[in-house]
N, C-alpha and C. Protein backbone atom coordinates (compact mmCIF):
# COMPACT_ATOMS: atom_id res chain seq x y z
N MET A 1 2.76 11.42 13.29
CA MET A 1 1.63 10.61 12.10
C MET A 1 0.27 11.22 12.80
N SER A 2 -0.72 12.03 11.79
CA SER A 2 -1.67 11.85 12.40
C SER A 2 -2.57 10.73 11.89
N GLU A 3 -3.33 9.86 12.23
CA GLU A 3 -4.44 8.56 12.72
C GLU A 3 -5.14 8.82 11.36
N ASP A 4 -5.57 10.81 11.64
CA ASP A 4 -6.37 10.82 9.62
C ASP A 4 -5.89 10.43 8.88
N LEU A 5 -4.47 10.68 8.48
CA LEU A 5 -4.00 10.33 7.38
C LEU A 5 -3.85 9.44 6.76
N ILE A 6 -4.08 8.51 8.41
CA ILE A 6 -3.68 6.85 7.76
C ILE A 6 -5.07 5.94 7.37
N VAL A 7 -6.07 6.34 8.25
CA VAL A 7 -6.95 6.44 7.80
C VAL A 7 -8.02 7.03 6.49
N ARG A 8 -7.56 7.74 5.98
CA ARG A 8 -8.05 8.67 4.93
C ARG A 8 -7.19 8.06 3.33
N HIS A 9 -5.93 7.99 3.99
CA HIS A 9 -5.36 6.83 2.95
C HIS A 9 -5.20 5.12 3.34
N CYS A 10 -5.72 4.49 4.02
CA CYS A 10 -5.45 3.49 3.63
C CYS A 10 -6.52 2.29 4.51
N ALA A 11 -7.82 2.85 4.69
CA ALA A 11 -8.88 2.08 5.36
C ALA A 11 -8.96 1.01 5.13
N PRO A 12 -9.08 0.82 3.85
CA PRO A 12 -9.77 0.02 2.99
C PRO A 12 -8.73 -1.38 3.45
N THR A 13 -7.49 -1.28 3.53
CA THR A 13 -6.50 -1.54 4.30
C THR A 13 -6.27 -2.14 5.55
N LEU A 14 -7.13 -1.44 6.20
CA LEU A 14 -7.36 -1.34 8.09
C LEU A 14 -8.60 -2.44 7.92
N ALA A 15 -9.48 -2.48 7.00
CA ALA A 15 -10.48 -2.81 6.62
C ALA A 15 -10.47 -4.67 6.75
N GLY A 16 -9.41 -5.34 5.97
CA GLY A 16 -9.39 -6.06 5.48
C GLY A 16 -10.02 -6.09 4.10
N LEU A 17 -9.90 -5.40 2.97
CA LEU A 17 -10.28 -5.44 1.73
C LEU A 17 -9.65 -5.10 1.04
N LYS A 18 -8.09 -4.94 1.52
CA LYS A 18 -7.20 -4.36 0.18
C LYS A 18 -5.70 -4.84 0.69
N THR A 19 -5.22 -5.46 -0.05
CA THR A 19 -3.81 -5.90 0.42
C THR A 19 -2.98 -4.70 0.80
N GLY A 20 -3.00 -3.58 0.58
CA GLY A 20 -1.86 -2.26 1.36
C GLY A 20 -2.43 -0.92 0.54
N ASN A 21 -1.90 -0.11 1.05
CA ASN A 21 -1.73 0.77 1.31
C ASN A 21 -0.30 2.05 0.95
N MET A 22 -0.50 3.11 0.11
CA MET A 22 0.95 3.50 0.00
C MET A 22 0.28 5.53 0.16
N PHE A 23 1.53 6.13 0.68
CA PHE A 23 0.98 7.72 0.98
C PHE A 23 1.78 7.51 1.86
N ARG A 24 2.14 9.19 1.36
CA ARG A 24 3.22 10.11 1.29
C ARG A 24 2.85 10.86 3.17
N ALA A 25 4.41 11.03 3.81
CA ALA A 25 4.10 11.75 5.79
C ALA A 25 5.58 13.04 6.05
N SER A 26 5.13 13.40 6.38
CA SER A 26 6.28 13.70 6.68
C SER A 26 7.23 14.04 8.02
N PHE A 27 8.35 14.06 7.92
CA PHE A 27 8.16 14.18 9.94
C PHE A 27 9.86 14.90 10.13
N ALA A 28 10.01 15.78 11.53
CA ALA A 28 10.86 16.27 11.40
C ALA A 28 12.20 15.31 11.49
N ASP A 29 12.85 14.45 11.58
CA ASP A 29 14.07 13.79 10.78
C ASP A 29 13.67 12.19 11.32
N GLU A 30 14.73 11.42 10.77
CA GLU A 30 14.67 9.85 11.10
C GLU A 30 14.43 9.40 12.09
N GLY A 31 14.85 10.13 13.12
CA GLY A 31 14.43 9.65 14.82
C GLY A 31 12.80 9.47 14.76
N GLU A 32 12.36 10.70 14.27
CA GLU A 32 10.86 10.57 15.07
C GLU A 32 10.26 9.86 13.68
N LEU A 33 10.54 9.50 12.47
CA LEU A 33 10.22 8.32 11.34
C LEU A 33 10.18 7.03 12.54
N ASP A 34 11.51 6.76 12.90
CA ASP A 34 11.54 5.83 13.53
C ASP A 34 10.84 5.40 14.33
N ALA A 35 10.75 6.25 15.30
CA ALA A 35 9.86 5.56 16.95
C ALA A 35 7.89 6.09 16.34
N GLU A 36 7.78 6.56 15.09
CA GLU A 36 6.37 6.48 14.55
C GLU A 36 5.79 5.00 14.29
N LEU A 37 7.22 4.67 13.84
CA LEU A 37 7.25 3.00 12.87
C LEU A 37 7.08 1.87 14.27
N GLU A 38 7.78 2.24 15.34
CA GLU A 38 7.95 1.92 15.91
C GLU A 38 5.95 1.51 17.08
N ARG A 39 6.32 2.96 16.79
CA ARG A 39 4.32 2.59 17.54
C ARG A 39 3.25 2.21 16.63
N LEU A 40 3.77 2.15 15.57
CA LEU A 40 2.44 1.91 15.13
C LEU A 40 2.76 0.99 15.00
N ASN A 41 3.84 -0.21 14.73
CA ASN A 41 3.86 -1.87 14.48
C ASN A 41 3.71 -2.31 15.84
N PHE A 42 3.20 -1.93 16.99
CA PHE A 42 3.29 -1.87 17.94
C PHE A 42 1.94 -2.29 18.37
N ILE A 43 0.59 -1.76 17.43
CA ILE A 43 -0.24 -1.43 17.49
C ILE A 43 -0.76 -2.53 15.91
N LEU A 44 -0.18 -2.15 15.01
CA LEU A 44 -1.39 -2.95 13.78
C LEU A 44 -0.49 -4.44 13.58
N THR A 45 0.59 -4.79 14.35
CA THR A 45 0.99 -6.54 14.35
C THR A 45 0.36 -7.13 14.81
N GLU A 46 -0.96 -7.50 16.22
CA GLU A 46 -1.64 -7.75 16.18
C GLU A 46 -3.03 -8.20 15.61
N LYS A 47 -3.30 -6.43 15.01
CA LYS A 47 -4.45 -6.68 13.72
C LYS A 47 -3.90 -7.40 12.69
N GLY A 48 -2.85 -8.17 12.24
CA GLY A 48 -2.73 -8.44 11.17
C GLY A 48 -1.49 -7.66 9.97
N LEU A 49 -1.48 -6.53 10.00
CA LEU A 49 -0.69 -5.08 9.63
C LEU A 49 0.49 -4.83 10.08
N ARG A 50 1.69 -4.75 9.13
CA ARG A 50 3.14 -3.41 9.51
C ARG A 50 2.62 -2.31 8.51
N ILE A 51 3.75 -2.12 9.30
CA ILE A 51 3.71 -0.52 7.86
C ILE A 51 5.65 0.09 8.23
N THR A 52 5.55 0.15 6.78
CA THR A 52 7.36 0.32 6.47
C THR A 52 7.01 2.13 6.03
N ALA A 53 8.66 2.14 6.03
CA ALA A 53 8.98 3.09 4.94
C ALA A 53 9.27 2.94 3.59
N LEU A 54 8.76 3.36 2.79
CA LEU A 54 9.85 2.40 1.27
C LEU A 54 10.88 3.35 0.86
N ARG A 55 10.33 4.61 1.00
CA ARG A 55 11.21 6.15 0.80
C ARG A 55 11.40 7.01 1.33
N ILE A 56 12.75 7.56 1.42
CA ILE A 56 12.89 8.70 2.71
C ILE A 56 13.85 9.65 1.63
N ASP A 57 12.87 11.14 1.32
CA ASP A 57 13.52 12.20 0.94
C ASP A 57 13.77 13.27 1.60
N CYS A 58 14.67 14.59 1.58
CA CYS A 58 14.54 15.06 2.64
C CYS A 58 13.81 16.46 2.20
N GLN A 59 13.48 16.65 2.66
CA GLN A 59 12.46 18.30 1.99
C GLN A 59 12.88 19.58 2.93
N VAL A 60 12.72 20.83 2.60
CA VAL A 60 13.20 21.86 2.32
C VAL A 60 12.37 23.10 3.16
N ASN A 61 11.41 23.38 4.12
CA ASN A 61 10.31 23.89 4.47
C ASN A 61 10.98 25.11 5.36
N CYS A 62 10.83 26.78 4.77
CA CYS A 62 11.16 27.79 4.87
C CYS A 62 12.25 27.76 5.84
N GLY A 63 13.85 27.19 5.42
CA GLY A 63 14.74 27.37 5.95
C GLY A 63 14.99 25.96 6.79
N LYS A 64 14.26 24.84 7.11
CA LYS A 64 14.04 24.15 8.00
C LYS A 64 14.69 22.63 7.14
N CYS A 65 14.91 22.06 7.58
CA CYS A 65 15.27 20.41 6.95
C CYS A 65 14.43 19.34 7.52
N GLY A 66 13.38 18.68 6.92
CA GLY A 66 12.70 17.22 7.74
C GLY A 66 13.46 16.53 6.39
N ILE A 67 11.87 15.55 6.97
CA ILE A 67 11.97 14.73 5.60
C ILE A 67 10.82 14.22 5.60
N ARG A 68 10.36 13.42 4.18
CA ARG A 68 9.06 12.84 3.51
C ARG A 68 9.25 11.87 3.20
N ALA A 69 8.54 10.73 3.81
CA ALA A 69 8.42 9.09 3.49
C ALA A 69 7.42 9.24 2.92
N LEU A 70 7.41 7.87 1.84
CA LEU A 70 6.64 7.28 2.02
C LEU A 70 6.18 5.67 2.46
N MET A 71 5.23 5.94 3.02
CA MET A 71 4.59 5.06 3.68
C MET A 71 3.65 4.23 2.76
N TYR A 72 4.06 2.62 3.66
CA TYR A 72 3.47 1.51 2.93
C TYR A 72 3.03 0.64 3.65
N ILE A 73 1.82 0.15 3.75
CA ILE A 73 1.29 0.08 5.30
C ILE A 73 0.30 -1.49 4.54
N TYR A 74 0.84 -2.71 5.07
CA TYR A 74 -0.22 -3.87 4.36
C TYR A 74 0.07 -4.92 5.48
N ARG A 75 -1.45 -5.91 4.65
CA ARG A 75 -1.12 -7.41 5.78
C ARG A 75 -0.66 -8.02 4.84
N PRO A 76 0.93 -9.00 5.15
CA PRO A 76 1.87 -9.64 5.46
C PRO A 76 1.00 -11.04 4.60
N GLY A 77 0.36 -11.09 5.24
CA GLY A 77 -0.54 -12.74 5.07
C GLY A 77 -0.86 -12.48 3.18
N GLN A 78 -1.86 -11.26 3.12
CA GLN A 78 -2.95 -11.22 2.51
C GLN A 78 -1.67 -11.03 0.85
N LEU A 79 -0.39 -10.28 1.63
CA LEU A 79 0.59 -9.93 0.37
C LEU A 79 1.04 -10.75 0.48
N GLN A 80 1.92 -12.14 1.34
CA GLN A 80 2.47 -13.30 0.63
C GLN A 80 1.09 -14.18 -0.48
N SER A 81 -0.04 -14.03 -0.15
CA SER A 81 -0.91 -15.06 -1.21
C SER A 81 -0.54 -14.52 -2.31
N ASP A 82 -0.50 -12.88 -2.49
CA ASP A 82 -1.42 -12.28 -3.73
C ASP A 82 0.46 -12.43 -4.34
N LEU A 83 1.60 -12.30 -3.65
CA LEU A 83 2.41 -12.71 -4.17
C LEU A 83 3.14 -14.12 -5.01
N ASP A 84 1.96 -14.82 -4.15
CA ASP A 84 2.11 -16.49 -4.73
C ASP A 84 1.45 -17.17 -6.23
N GLU A 85 0.33 -16.18 -6.44
CA GLU A 85 0.14 -16.11 -7.91
C GLU A 85 1.27 -16.39 -8.99
N GLU A 86 0.96 -16.97 -10.02
CA GLU A 86 1.84 -17.43 -10.67
C GLU A 86 1.46 -16.21 -11.87
N GLU A 87 0.69 -15.83 -12.30
CA GLU A 87 0.93 -14.71 -12.80
C GLU A 87 1.41 -12.79 -12.85
N ALA A 88 1.80 -12.96 -11.61
CA ALA A 88 2.85 -12.21 -9.71
C ALA A 88 3.53 -12.49 -10.55
N LYS A 89 4.23 -13.90 -10.27
CA LYS A 89 5.75 -13.92 -9.93
C LYS A 89 6.22 -14.06 -10.79
N ALA A 90 5.53 -14.57 -12.42
CA ALA A 90 5.61 -13.28 -13.60
C ALA A 90 6.36 -12.47 -13.82
N ILE A 91 5.20 -11.19 -13.81
CA ILE A 91 5.98 -10.26 -12.99
C ILE A 91 6.94 -9.76 -12.51
N LEU A 92 6.89 -10.38 -11.14
CA LEU A 92 8.44 -9.40 -10.47
C LEU A 92 9.25 -10.42 -10.94
N SER A 93 9.56 -10.97 -11.74
CA SER A 93 10.56 -11.91 -12.58
C SER A 93 11.17 -11.29 -13.10
N ALA A 94 9.99 -10.62 -13.76
CA ALA A 94 10.81 -9.95 -15.17
C ALA A 94 11.76 -8.65 -15.09
N PHE A 95 11.33 -8.21 -13.05
CA PHE A 95 12.05 -7.28 -13.03
C PHE A 95 12.62 -7.43 -11.64
N GLY A 96 13.48 -8.24 -11.77
CA GLY A 96 14.27 -8.93 -11.17
C GLY A 96 14.41 -9.07 -9.78
N TYR A 97 12.84 -9.90 -9.39
CA TYR A 97 12.46 -10.16 -8.18
C TYR A 97 12.48 -11.72 -7.99
N GLU A 98 14.02 -12.12 -7.38
CA GLU A 98 14.21 -13.46 -6.97
C GLU A 98 13.31 -14.52 -6.62
N ASP A 99 12.62 -13.97 -5.62
CA ASP A 99 12.53 -14.55 -4.22
C ASP A 99 11.65 -14.35 -4.27
N GLY A 100 10.11 -15.39 -4.00
CA GLY A 100 8.83 -14.69 -3.32
C GLY A 100 8.73 -14.63 -2.22
N ASP A 101 9.31 -14.88 -1.03
CA ASP A 101 9.17 -14.21 0.21
C ASP A 101 8.62 -12.66 0.36
N HIS A 102 7.81 -12.32 1.03
CA HIS A 102 7.49 -10.99 0.20
C HIS A 102 8.28 -10.19 1.59
N GLU A 103 8.62 -10.39 2.09
CA GLU A 103 10.15 -9.06 3.17
C GLU A 103 10.84 -9.11 1.66
N ILE A 104 11.23 -10.09 1.44
CA ILE A 104 12.43 -10.39 0.15
C ILE A 104 12.09 -8.84 -0.65
N CYS A 105 10.53 -9.41 -1.48
CA CYS A 105 10.26 -8.80 -1.92
C CYS A 105 9.92 -7.15 -2.03
N ILE A 106 9.41 -7.08 -0.60
CA ILE A 106 9.29 -5.04 -0.32
C ILE A 106 10.70 -5.00 -0.16
N ARG A 107 11.67 -5.48 0.20
CA ARG A 107 12.63 -4.72 -0.02
C ARG A 107 13.68 -4.22 -1.37
N ARG A 108 13.24 -5.55 -2.81
CA ARG A 108 13.63 -5.36 -3.72
C ARG A 108 12.53 -4.30 -3.97
N LEU A 109 11.36 -3.99 -3.40
CA LEU A 109 10.86 -2.59 -4.01
C LEU A 109 10.65 -1.52 -3.48
N THR A 110 11.39 -1.78 -2.08
CA THR A 110 12.30 -0.44 -1.71
C THR A 110 13.58 -0.25 -2.53
N ASP A 111 14.17 -1.15 -3.29
CA ASP A 111 15.22 -0.75 -4.25
C ASP A 111 15.24 -0.29 -5.16
N ARG A 112 13.81 -0.93 -5.97
CA ARG A 112 13.61 -0.34 -7.22
C ARG A 112 13.00 1.61 -7.25
N ILE A 113 12.39 1.66 -6.04
CA ILE A 113 11.87 3.04 -6.08
C ILE A 113 12.57 4.20 -5.98
N CYS A 114 13.83 3.74 -5.30
CA CYS A 114 14.96 4.45 -5.33
C CYS A 114 16.05 4.45 -6.44
N GLU A 115 15.96 3.56 -7.69
CA GLU A 115 16.41 3.30 -8.57
C GLU A 115 16.07 3.74 -9.68
N CYS A 116 14.10 3.65 -10.00
CA CYS A 116 13.77 4.17 -10.53
C CYS A 116 13.63 5.44 -11.33
N GLU A 117 13.74 5.62 -12.46
CA GLU A 117 13.50 7.42 -12.92
C GLU A 117 12.30 7.62 -12.47
N GLU A 118 10.89 6.45 -12.79
CA GLU A 118 9.94 6.52 -13.05
C GLU A 118 9.48 5.56 -12.12
N PHE A 119 7.90 5.71 -11.66
CA PHE A 119 7.92 4.80 -10.13
C PHE A 119 7.56 3.39 -10.83
N PRO A 120 7.76 2.52 -10.14
CA PRO A 120 8.01 0.79 -10.65
C PRO A 120 6.35 -0.08 -10.73
N HIS A 121 6.43 0.22 -11.97
CA HIS A 121 4.65 -0.13 -12.14
C HIS A 121 3.91 -1.56 -11.74
N GLU A 122 5.40 -2.40 -11.31
CA GLU A 122 4.83 -3.93 -10.74
C GLU A 122 4.28 -3.32 -8.71
N VAL A 123 4.70 -2.04 -8.54
CA VAL A 123 3.69 -1.61 -7.51
C VAL A 123 2.92 -2.55 -7.28
N GLY A 124 1.75 -2.54 -7.98
CA GLY A 124 0.17 -2.24 -8.01
C GLY A 124 -0.15 -3.82 -6.70
N LEU A 125 1.08 -4.53 -7.30
CA LEU A 125 0.77 -6.20 -7.22
C LEU A 125 1.26 -6.05 -5.72
N PHE A 126 1.77 -5.04 -5.12
CA PHE A 126 2.28 -4.83 -3.66
C PHE A 126 0.34 -4.32 -3.08
N LEU A 127 -0.69 -3.69 -4.02
CA LEU A 127 -1.33 -3.18 -2.95
C LEU A 127 -2.42 -3.65 -3.21
N GLY A 128 -2.25 -5.08 -3.89
CA GLY A 128 -3.91 -5.91 -4.44
C GLY A 128 -4.21 -5.73 -5.76
N TYR A 129 -3.74 -5.41 -6.24
CA TYR A 129 -4.26 -4.69 -7.68
C TYR A 129 -4.34 -6.08 -8.57
N PRO A 130 -5.34 -6.91 -8.75
CA PRO A 130 -5.14 -7.58 -10.33
C PRO A 130 -4.04 -7.99 -10.56
N PRO A 131 -3.17 -9.07 -10.96
CA PRO A 131 -2.21 -8.96 -12.02
C PRO A 131 -2.32 -8.74 -13.10
N GLU A 132 -3.84 -8.82 -13.83
CA GLU A 132 -4.06 -8.91 -15.18
C GLU A 132 -3.71 -7.15 -15.01
N ASP A 133 -4.44 -6.35 -14.17
CA ASP A 133 -4.42 -5.19 -14.59
C ASP A 133 -3.17 -4.51 -14.43
N VAL A 134 -2.26 -5.08 -13.62
CA VAL A 134 -0.16 -5.26 -13.51
C VAL A 134 -0.01 -5.17 -14.93
N LYS A 135 -0.10 -5.94 -15.45
CA LYS A 135 0.45 -6.84 -16.49
C LYS A 135 0.09 -5.34 -17.38
N GLY A 136 -1.37 -5.25 -18.45
CA GLY A 136 -1.81 -4.66 -18.70
C GLY A 136 -1.14 -3.27 -18.64
N PHE A 137 -1.19 -2.68 -17.28
CA PHE A 137 -0.37 -1.42 -17.16
C PHE A 137 0.74 -1.16 -18.09
N ILE A 138 2.19 -2.53 -17.30
CA ILE A 138 3.19 -2.31 -18.03
C ILE A 138 3.40 -1.80 -19.46
N GLU A 139 2.18 -3.30 -20.02
CA GLU A 139 2.45 -3.26 -21.44
C GLU A 139 1.69 -2.76 -22.27
N LEU A 140 0.92 -1.88 -21.96
CA LEU A 140 0.39 -0.75 -22.77
C LEU A 140 0.66 0.34 -22.20
N GLY A 141 1.85 0.65 -20.53
CA GLY A 141 1.93 2.20 -20.50
C GLY A 141 1.03 2.88 -20.01
N GLY A 142 0.43 2.20 -19.44
CA GLY A 142 -0.76 2.97 -18.66
C GLY A 142 -2.38 3.41 -20.17
N ARG A 143 -2.02 3.40 -21.42
CA ARG A 143 -3.14 3.75 -22.11
C ARG A 143 -3.98 2.27 -22.43
N GLN A 144 -4.79 2.99 -22.64
CA GLN A 144 -5.97 1.72 -23.33
C GLN A 144 -7.00 1.04 -22.17
N SER A 145 -6.97 1.69 -21.55
CA SER A 145 -7.47 0.86 -20.33
C SER A 145 -8.60 1.13 -20.48
N LYS A 146 -10.12 -0.16 -19.72
CA LYS A 146 -11.55 -0.25 -19.82
C LYS A 146 -11.70 0.96 -19.19
N ALA A 147 -11.12 1.19 -17.74
CA ALA A 147 -11.45 1.44 -17.20
C ALA A 147 -10.69 2.26 -16.08
N SER A 148 -10.94 3.07 -15.21
CA SER A 148 -9.84 3.32 -14.17
C SER A 148 -10.32 4.21 -12.49
N GLY A 149 -9.69 4.41 -11.42
CA GLY A 149 -10.22 4.08 -10.39
C GLY A 149 -9.50 4.45 -9.21
N TYR A 150 -9.23 3.01 -8.19
CA TYR A 150 -7.66 2.84 -7.64
C TYR A 150 -6.91 2.87 -8.28
N TRP A 151 -6.90 2.00 -9.65
CA TRP A 151 -6.34 1.82 -10.48
C TRP A 151 -6.45 1.44 -12.18
N LYS A 152 -5.82 0.69 -13.45
CA LYS A 152 -6.37 1.21 -14.20
C LYS A 152 -6.63 0.17 -14.82
N VAL A 153 -8.03 -0.43 -15.06
CA VAL A 153 -8.40 -2.08 -14.87
C VAL A 153 -7.72 -2.52 -16.72
N TYR A 154 -8.00 -3.93 -16.80
CA TYR A 154 -7.19 -4.07 -18.09
C TYR A 154 -8.44 -5.23 -18.26
N GLY A 155 -8.40 -6.01 -17.20
CA GLY A 155 -8.98 -7.60 -16.88
C GLY A 155 -10.58 -6.95 -16.62
N ASP A 156 -10.37 -7.38 -15.82
CA ASP A 156 -12.09 -7.78 -15.31
C ASP A 156 -13.19 -6.36 -14.09
N VAL A 157 -13.59 -5.97 -15.85
CA VAL A 157 -14.38 -4.18 -15.33
C VAL A 157 -15.33 -4.02 -13.84
N ASP A 158 -16.07 -5.35 -14.28
CA ASP A 158 -17.17 -4.58 -13.15
C ASP A 158 -16.67 -5.61 -11.74
N HIS A 159 -15.40 -6.71 -11.56
CA HIS A 159 -15.00 -6.88 -10.91
C HIS A 159 -14.60 -5.75 -10.22
N ALA A 160 -13.70 -4.86 -10.53
CA ALA A 160 -13.10 -3.79 -10.62
C ALA A 160 -13.68 -2.71 -9.94
N GLN A 161 -15.01 -2.19 -10.74
CA GLN A 161 -16.14 -0.98 -10.07
C GLN A 161 -16.67 -1.27 -9.20
N LYS A 162 -16.71 -2.90 -8.77
CA LYS A 162 -16.95 -3.18 -7.44
C LYS A 162 -16.37 -2.88 -6.19
N GLN A 163 -14.70 -3.26 -6.38
CA GLN A 163 -14.01 -3.17 -5.56
C GLN A 163 -13.43 -0.81 -5.04
N PHE A 164 -14.54 -0.58 -6.27
CA PHE A 164 -13.79 0.69 -6.01
C PHE A 164 -14.19 1.50 -5.41
N GLU A 165 -16.04 0.78 -5.15
CA GLU A 165 -17.17 1.48 -4.63
C GLU A 165 -16.91 0.92 -3.18
N ARG A 166 -16.49 -0.21 -2.87
CA ARG A 166 -16.21 -1.18 -1.80
C ARG A 166 -14.84 -0.07 -0.89
N PHE A 167 -14.28 0.37 -1.72
CA PHE A 167 -13.47 0.93 -1.19
C PHE A 167 -13.92 2.44 -0.35
N SER A 168 -13.85 3.35 -1.65
CA SER A 168 -14.80 4.55 -1.27
C SER A 168 -15.46 4.23 -0.41
N LYS A 169 -16.69 3.70 -0.02
CA LYS A 169 -17.57 3.31 0.73
C LYS A 169 -16.91 3.08 2.41
N CYS A 170 -16.24 2.56 2.33
CA CYS A 170 -15.22 2.16 3.35
C CYS A 170 -14.37 3.33 3.82
N THR A 171 -13.68 3.94 2.81
CA THR A 171 -13.10 5.49 3.84
C THR A 171 -13.94 6.66 4.16
N GLY A 172 -15.45 6.53 3.57
CA GLY A 172 -15.89 7.20 4.70
C GLY A 172 -16.78 6.83 5.45
N VAL A 173 -17.04 5.67 5.66
CA VAL A 173 -17.65 5.47 6.71
C VAL A 173 -15.53 5.28 8.14
N TYR A 174 -15.14 4.98 7.47
CA TYR A 174 -14.45 4.81 8.81
C TYR A 174 -14.15 6.72 9.04
N LEU A 175 -13.50 7.73 8.07
CA LEU A 175 -13.60 8.61 8.85
C LEU A 175 -14.37 9.51 9.38
N LYS A 176 -15.78 8.82 9.09
CA LYS A 176 -16.79 9.59 9.81
C LYS A 176 -16.66 8.69 11.64
N CYS A 177 -15.97 7.41 11.49
CA CYS A 177 -15.92 7.14 12.36
C CYS A 177 -14.93 7.75 13.15
N LEU A 178 -14.09 8.14 12.48
CA LEU A 178 -12.93 8.51 13.24
C LEU A 178 -13.48 10.04 13.58
N GLU A 179 -14.43 10.56 13.02
CA GLU A 179 -14.61 12.01 13.57
C GLU A 179 -15.77 11.75 14.89
N ARG A 180 -16.02 10.74 14.53
CA ARG A 180 -16.96 10.46 16.06
C ARG A 180 -15.55 9.95 17.33
N GLY A 181 -14.96 9.94 17.21
CA GLY A 181 -14.30 9.90 18.78
C GLY A 181 -13.81 8.11 18.75
N LEU A 182 -14.33 7.09 17.23
CA LEU A 182 -13.77 5.94 17.68
C LEU A 182 -12.40 5.74 17.74
N PRO A 183 -11.51 4.82 18.35
CA PRO A 183 -9.93 5.14 19.04
C PRO A 183 -9.63 4.55 16.97
N PHE A 184 -8.59 4.69 16.33
CA PHE A 184 -7.83 4.29 15.50
C PHE A 184 -7.69 2.66 16.03
N THR A 185 -6.82 2.45 16.74
CA THR A 185 -7.29 0.83 17.39
C THR A 185 -8.45 -0.38 16.89
N LYS A 186 -9.47 1.01 16.87
CA LYS A 186 -10.53 -0.47 16.87
C LYS A 186 -10.91 0.11 15.93
N LEU A 187 -10.34 0.90 14.45
CA LEU A 187 -10.09 0.61 12.89
C LEU A 187 -10.25 -0.12 12.32
N ALA A 188 -8.91 -0.89 12.99
CA ALA A 188 -7.75 -1.95 11.98
C ALA A 188 -8.17 -3.56 12.53
N VAL A 189 -8.81 -3.83 11.73
CA VAL A 189 -9.99 -5.03 12.39
C VAL A 189 -8.59 -6.33 11.53
N LYS A 190 -8.54 -7.30 12.68
CA LYS A 190 -8.23 -8.80 12.36
C LYS A 190 -8.41 -9.17 11.41
N LYS A 191 -7.82 -10.38 10.82
CA LYS A 191 -8.15 -10.57 9.34
C LYS A 191 -7.84 -11.89 9.51
N LYS A 192 -8.00 -12.99 9.17
CA LYS A 192 -7.78 -14.49 8.55
C LYS A 192 -7.52 -14.77 7.06
N VAL A 193 -6.48 -14.75 6.80
CA VAL A 193 -5.74 -14.67 5.77
C VAL A 193 -6.27 -16.75 5.17
N THR A 194 -6.98 -16.22 4.26
CA THR A 194 -7.49 -18.22 4.30
C THR A 194 -7.03 -18.53 2.35
N ALA A 195 -6.51 -19.89 2.23
CA ALA A 195 -5.36 -19.81 1.21
C ALA A 195 -6.18 -20.66 -0.23
């Protein structure tokens, strides 16, 4: 998996601006996926980040079978803080999340991604989206949002727009740094979570 792919899709999380990001990546087989997860977690854990595969699908290209995985890179401390918010707990409870521990919640999300015909909309909570926006999206089926960018906004538009701008700027800066040869390991910053 290329570092460019990770930076392109996850720069705000690497920079500590966002709880998590998801992206798809292709691998020859599950052995390659497991080796890549081990390698990346060795690098990222010291920076307060983790990466996991939420879903693995077989893909057939030109007679060769490989796998495509939905990858999730996140900051465990920040995720736990997000999931501890009362509105987030209420949303998750409605979808069968019985425990607020982030690792257990990630396992439940993995099950929901595999079980549901549609992508489970509570996923926004795992990406650091405001609970009021996740709730609005669920209740209104993605319609009647006040604004949209990285997510559909049902609450504070000004705050969301500022976040969208920060995330876009961060991604641009990180891609330029990567092009100039700055190692991927230097782009992932260590961030302390404050209560």
